[in-house]
Amino acid sequence: MGLELYLDLISQPCRAVYIFAKKNGIPFELRTVELLKGQHHSDAFAQVNPLKKVPALKDGDFTLAESVAILLYLCRKYEVPDHWYPQDLQARARVDEYLAWQHTALRNSCTRAMWQKMMFPVFLGEQVPPETLASTLAELERCLQLLEDKFLKDQDFLAGPHISVADLVAITELMHPVSAGCQVFKSRPKLAAWRQRVEAAVGKDLFQEAHAVVMKAKDLPPADSAIKEKLKPSVQVLLQ
């Protein structure tokens, strides 16, 4: 059995892995795990990833969790072009710096913004306290400013003149609040120009393919009670 990727493209980390593998011509079997149906909690998926999270990778008898680890594994195994994860010590350190920061900063605020602004009221039928949403959106703005000032600066891409896995992770993160109607790029021309460069480097068709599911999330029908119970442990933290 060749490489298998367990993904749901409503998930930001899954989209980053999907785009990277597709863009670099890495052959893989797509194993869809539908998060909104609670399939990541199944016993079968737990055999692949006991953490019960996507993305997950299976390469023969080898399994791997966590999107950053998966991206770097793919970089090393398939000898992709150097700009994705540069050999130069300091250039690579810049990519690592963003990947280390984003987990508890931009990704966290983008995911909260999507769920609090759209998924809770539309899919789960729950209203989010206005002060909770306001706090989340304020934190998102803080992270966007840091993304511009600390990481992008006056460069074409986050780690220098060429696209890297840092850019893939960041752009897929930002599409979460965009899907919920947040004006992430409208008042930030520097970020808007960067988005256009990333989309061009990835390819418009692949970019749109990867984001089609999340951009239609607002059209999801309300979840039934069984699905709500399955998802409750995973999403309750997003209200805090």
Protein backbone atom coordinates (compact mmCIF):
# COMPACT_ATOMS: atom_id res chain seq x y z
CA MET A 1 0.00 0.00 0.00
CA GLY A 2 1.32 3.44 -0.92
CA LEU A 3 0.97 6.73 0.90
CA GLU A 4 -2.45 7.38 2.45
CA LEU A 5 -3.60 10.77 3.70
CA TYR A 6 -6.60 10.98 6.05
CA LEU A 7 -8.14 14.40 5.49
CA ASP A 8 -11.22 16.56 5.69
CA LEU A 9 -10.83 19.74 3.66
CA ILE A 10 -13.01 21.71 6.05
CA SER A 11 -9.95 21.51 8.31
CA GLN A 12 -7.18 24.07 7.87
CA PRO A 13 -4.26 21.69 8.55
CA CYS A 14 -5.74 19.19 6.09
CA ARG A 15 -5.94 21.82 3.35
CA ALA A 16 -2.28 22.73 3.81
CA VAL A 17 -1.23 19.08 3.51
CA TYR A 18 -3.54 18.50 0.53
CA ILE A 19 -2.29 21.54 -1.40
CA PHE A 20 1.34 20.65 -0.69
CA ALA A 21 0.99 17.04 -1.84
CA LYS A 22 -0.99 17.97 -4.96
CA LYS A 23 1.29 20.86 -5.92
CA ASN A 24 4.38 18.68 -5.66
CA GLY A 25 2.92 15.72 -7.51
CA ILE A 26 3.17 13.42 -4.50
CA PRO A 27 1.05 10.32 -5.17
CA PHE A 28 -1.38 9.48 -2.36
CA GLU A 29 -4.67 7.77 -1.63
CA LEU A 30 -7.19 10.18 -0.11
CA ARG A 31 -9.03 8.73 2.89
CA THR A 32 -11.80 11.16 3.79
CA VAL A 33 -12.64 11.51 7.48
CA GLU A 34 -15.74 13.71 7.92
CA LEU A 35 -15.24 15.78 11.04
CA LEU A 36 -18.76 17.15 11.12
CA LYS A 37 -20.09 13.60 11.28
CA GLY A 38 -17.71 12.71 14.10
CA GLN A 39 -15.86 10.12 12.02
CA HIS A 40 -12.55 11.07 13.66
CA HIS A 41 -13.88 9.50 16.88
CA SER A 42 -14.40 6.08 15.28
CA ASP A 43 -12.47 3.04 16.46
CA ALA A 44 -11.25 2.41 12.92
CA PHE A 45 -9.66 5.85 12.63
CA ALA A 46 -8.17 5.56 16.12
CA GLN A 47 -6.09 2.67 14.77
CA VAL A 48 -4.45 5.14 12.40
CA ASN A 49 -4.27 8.09 14.78
CA PRO A 50 -4.99 7.50 18.47
CA LEU A 51 -5.18 11.29 18.88
CA LYS A 52 -8.39 11.13 16.79
CA LYS A 53 -7.44 14.19 14.77
CA VAL A 54 -6.87 14.92 11.10
CA PRO A 55 -4.70 15.11 9.14
CA ALA A 56 -3.07 11.74 9.55
CA LEU A 57 -0.59 9.93 7.32
CA LYS A 58 -0.07 6.23 6.73
CA ASP A 59 2.96 5.16 4.72
CA GLY A 60 3.05 1.37 4.73
CA ASP A 61 3.33 0.40 8.38
CA PHE A 62 4.35 3.93 9.41
CA THR A 63 1.72 6.33 10.74
CA LEU A 64 2.12 10.00 11.59
CA ALA A 65 -0.09 12.68 13.15
CA GLU A 66 0.14 16.49 13.31
CA SER A 67 0.11 18.59 10.16
CA VAL A 68 3.51 20.24 10.59
CA ALA A 69 5.19 16.87 11.14
CA ILE A 70 3.39 15.51 8.06
CA LEU A 71 4.43 18.45 5.89
CA LEU A 72 8.08 18.12 6.90
CA TYR A 73 7.99 14.35 6.41
CA LEU A 74 6.72 14.87 2.87
CA CYS A 75 9.40 17.51 2.22
CA ARG A 76 12.16 15.13 3.25
CA LYS A 77 10.85 11.93 1.71
CA TYR A 78 10.00 13.31 -1.71
CA GLU A 79 12.86 15.80 -2.11
CA VAL A 80 10.58 18.62 -3.14
CA PRO A 81 12.00 21.95 -4.39
CA ASP A 82 14.20 23.57 -1.76
CA HIS A 83 12.10 26.71 -1.33
CA TRP A 84 9.37 24.75 0.48
CA TYR A 85 11.65 23.97 3.43
CA PRO A 86 15.08 25.48 2.68
CA GLN A 87 18.37 23.76 3.43
CA ASP A 88 19.93 27.11 4.36
CA LEU A 89 20.08 27.19 8.14
CA GLN A 90 18.64 30.65 8.71
CA ALA A 91 16.02 30.43 5.96
CA ARG A 92 14.80 27.14 7.43
CA ALA A 93 14.77 28.70 10.89
CA ARG A 94 12.39 31.41 9.62
CA VAL A 95 9.98 28.74 8.41
CA ASP A 96 10.30 26.91 11.73
CA GLU A 97 9.69 30.15 13.60
CA TYR A 98 6.34 30.71 11.90
CA LEU A 99 5.29 27.07 12.29
CA ALA A 100 6.07 27.22 16.01
CA TRP A 101 4.17 30.51 16.51
CA GLN A 102 1.01 29.81 14.57
CA HIS A 103 -0.36 26.92 16.67
CA THR A 104 -1.41 29.06 19.62
CA ALA A 105 -1.73 32.36 17.76
CA LEU A 106 -3.08 32.78 14.23
CA ARG A 107 -4.48 29.29 13.81
CA ASN A 108 -6.22 29.42 17.17
CA SER A 109 -7.85 32.80 16.53
CA CYS A 110 -8.84 31.91 12.95
CA THR A 111 -10.50 28.67 14.03
CA ARG A 112 -12.34 30.39 16.88
CA ALA A 113 -13.52 33.16 14.57
CA MET A 114 -14.97 30.68 12.08
CA TRP A 115 -16.74 28.60 14.68
CA GLN A 116 -18.03 31.46 16.82
CA LYS A 117 -19.16 33.65 13.92
CA MET A 118 -20.62 30.95 11.68
CA MET A 119 -20.45 27.29 12.71
CA PHE A 120 -22.03 27.60 16.15
CA PRO A 121 -25.08 29.61 15.05
CA VAL A 122 -25.53 27.94 11.62
CA PHE A 123 -24.50 24.32 12.12
CA LEU A 124 -24.98 23.78 15.84
CA GLY A 125 -27.78 26.29 16.40
CA GLU A 126 -26.06 27.90 19.39
CA GLN A 127 -25.61 31.61 19.96
CA VAL A 128 -22.23 32.88 21.03
CA PRO A 129 -22.15 35.65 23.67
CA PRO A 130 -21.34 38.94 21.88
CA GLU A 131 -18.48 39.68 24.25
CA THR A 132 -16.90 36.29 23.48
CA LEU A 133 -17.04 36.90 19.72
CA ALA A 134 -15.74 40.46 20.14
CA SER A 135 -12.76 39.19 22.13
CA THR A 136 -12.02 36.56 19.48
CA LEU A 137 -12.15 39.08 16.64
CA ALA A 138 -9.90 41.47 18.56
CA GLU A 139 -7.37 38.67 19.04
CA LEU A 140 -7.59 37.85 15.34
CA GLU A 141 -6.76 41.46 14.50
CA ARG A 142 -3.77 41.34 16.83
CA CYS A 143 -2.50 38.19 15.13
CA LEU A 144 -3.00 39.65 11.67
CA GLN A 145 -0.91 42.66 12.65
CA LEU A 146 1.84 40.38 13.91
CA LEU A 147 1.66 38.36 10.70
CA GLU A 148 2.31 41.55 8.73
CA ASP A 149 4.87 43.19 11.00
CA LYS A 150 6.85 40.23 12.32
CA PHE A 151 6.69 37.62 9.56
CA LEU A 152 5.78 39.16 6.20
CA LYS A 153 7.39 42.58 6.63
CA ASP A 154 8.41 43.80 3.15
CA GLN A 155 9.06 40.33 1.71
CA ASP A 156 7.12 38.55 -0.99
CA PHE A 157 6.53 35.54 1.29
CA LEU A 158 6.67 34.82 5.01
CA ALA A 159 10.17 33.33 5.03
CA GLY A 160 11.76 35.28 2.17
CA PRO A 161 11.50 35.69 -1.60
CA HIS A 162 9.95 32.28 -2.31
CA ILE A 163 6.89 30.39 -1.13
CA SER A 164 7.40 27.90 1.70
CA VAL A 165 5.29 25.58 3.82
CA ALA A 166 4.87 28.55 6.20
CA ASP A 167 2.84 30.37 3.54
CA LEU A 168 0.64 27.33 2.90
CA VAL A 169 -0.11 26.95 6.60
CA ALA A 170 -0.84 30.67 6.98
CA ILE A 171 -3.09 31.10 3.94
CA THR A 172 -5.19 28.06 4.81
CA GLU A 173 -5.57 29.43 8.33
CA LEU A 174 -6.84 32.77 7.05
CA MET A 175 -9.47 31.18 4.83
CA HIS A 176 -11.32 30.02 7.97
CA PRO A 177 -12.43 33.52 9.06
CA VAL A 178 -12.87 34.54 5.40
CA SER A 179 -15.41 31.72 5.01
CA ALA A 180 -17.30 33.15 7.99
CA GLY A 181 -17.50 36.60 6.40
CA CYS A 182 -14.59 38.27 8.23
CA GLN A 183 -12.92 40.99 6.14
CA VAL A 184 -9.40 39.66 6.69
CA PHE A 185 -7.85 41.14 3.55
CA LYS A 186 -10.11 44.10 2.75
CA SER A 187 -8.35 46.65 4.97
CA ARG A 188 -4.90 45.06 4.71
CA PRO A 189 -3.45 45.62 1.21
CA LYS A 190 -0.12 44.05 2.18
CA LEU A 191 -1.82 40.81 3.19
CA ALA A 192 -4.11 40.96 0.16
CA ALA A 193 -1.11 41.22 -2.18
CA TRP A 194 0.61 38.35 -0.36
CA ARG A 195 -2.52 36.22 -0.75
CA GLN A 196 -2.48 36.84 -4.50
CA ARG A 197 1.18 35.77 -4.70
CA VAL A 198 0.50 32.60 -2.72
CA GLU A 199 -2.52 31.73 -4.84
CA ALA A 200 -0.53 32.30 -8.04
CA ALA A 201 2.36 30.15 -6.78
CA VAL A 202 0.01 27.33 -5.79
CA GLY A 203 -2.22 27.66 -8.86
CA LYS A 204 -5.70 29.16 -8.81
CA ASP A 205 -7.49 25.92 -9.65
CA LEU A 206 -5.79 23.95 -6.86
CA PHE A 207 -6.33 26.80 -4.40
CA GLN A 208 -10.05 26.92 -5.16
CA GLU A 209 -10.37 23.13 -5.14
CA ALA A 210 -8.82 22.89 -1.68
CA HIS A 211 -11.05 25.63 -0.24
CA ALA A 212 -14.35 24.75 -1.94
CA VAL A 213 -15.71 22.85 1.07
CA VAL A 214 -14.92 25.45 3.72
CA MET A 215 -16.22 28.31 1.56
CA LYS A 216 -19.60 26.53 1.41
CA ALA A 217 -19.73 25.83 5.15
CA LYS A 218 -22.30 28.59 5.66
CA ASP A 219 -24.73 26.50 3.59
CA LEU A 220 -24.53 23.45 5.86
CA PRO A 221 -27.85 22.16 7.18
CA PRO A 222 -28.28 22.21 10.99
CA ALA A 223 -26.71 19.25 12.76
CA ASP A 224 -28.97 16.66 14.35
CA SER A 225 -28.77 15.89 18.07
CA ALA A 226 -26.57 12.80 17.61
CA ILE A 227 -23.95 14.78 15.69
CA LYS A 228 -24.04 17.58 18.27
CA GLU A 229 -23.29 15.09 21.02
CA LYS A 230 -20.40 13.60 19.05
CA LEU A 231 -18.87 17.01 18.40
CA LYS A 232 -19.45 18.51 21.84
CA PRO A 233 -16.08 17.42 23.35
CA SER A 234 -14.19 18.77 20.33
CA VAL A 235 -15.83 22.19 20.01
CA GLN A 236 -16.71 23.22 23.55
CA VAL A 237 -13.26 24.72 24.04
CA LEU A 238 -13.96 27.12 21.15
CA LEU A 239 -16.54 28.93 23.29
CA GLN A 240 -14.10 29.68 26.09
